[in-house]
Amino acid sequence: MLEGQQSPEHGSIGAPQGRPNERRDVQRTINLWQRNASEDGGAPLLTSFDFSAMKGDWGNRFLICSDRSVENAAFVLYGMNFAELLDLPHKVTAIVPLVQQIPERYGPVFADGCIKALTEPAPARFSGSFSHEFKNELYRAVFLPIRMHPNWSKWLIFGSFNYRMVLSVDQKVH
């Protein structure tokens, strides 16, 4: 299911403070991908990928369609939590480049994540922070490739993304 959006700049809606399961969700996403990886350890094929372990709850997960030129990468599917975090519509209703949909500060994370997922057959993990309106957004993400067809140039990128807000504290001594 594709779900709605709420931008990090609008506060912590959809991003519970101190949520401990964000790291576990990234790892569960990686584990699901690894269970479906090809016998040679490469990216799994969509026809053999079993999404049933998620039981229809995409949460903070997403599915992007892209080719090697990630400027045209677009969301195909995402969970309600993901939509709320990034202020997206509750469901994908049109194929629009994702860089036009996500907050600008996360554009490089998603672009680099997609590129890395398409060039390396391993989990592309990202974590870091952004300062925004006297708060810090601590984010964590993973991007994983799924082949749509062995001979096609388009790929799917399966992943998980989450952030939480923490109050920024000025560390200067006066």
Foldseek 3Di string as FASTA:
>chain_A
DAFAAAEVLVDCVLADAPDPCQVVVQVVQQVLQQVQADPVLFGHAPVRRDPCVCVPAQQQKWKWKDFLPLQQIFTPHHHHSNNHHFRGHYTDDDTDRCCVRGPVVCVVVVVVQVNCQNPDRHKDKDWDWDDHDQKIKTKIKIWHWHQHDPPDRMIMIMMGMGIHIDGHDDPDDD
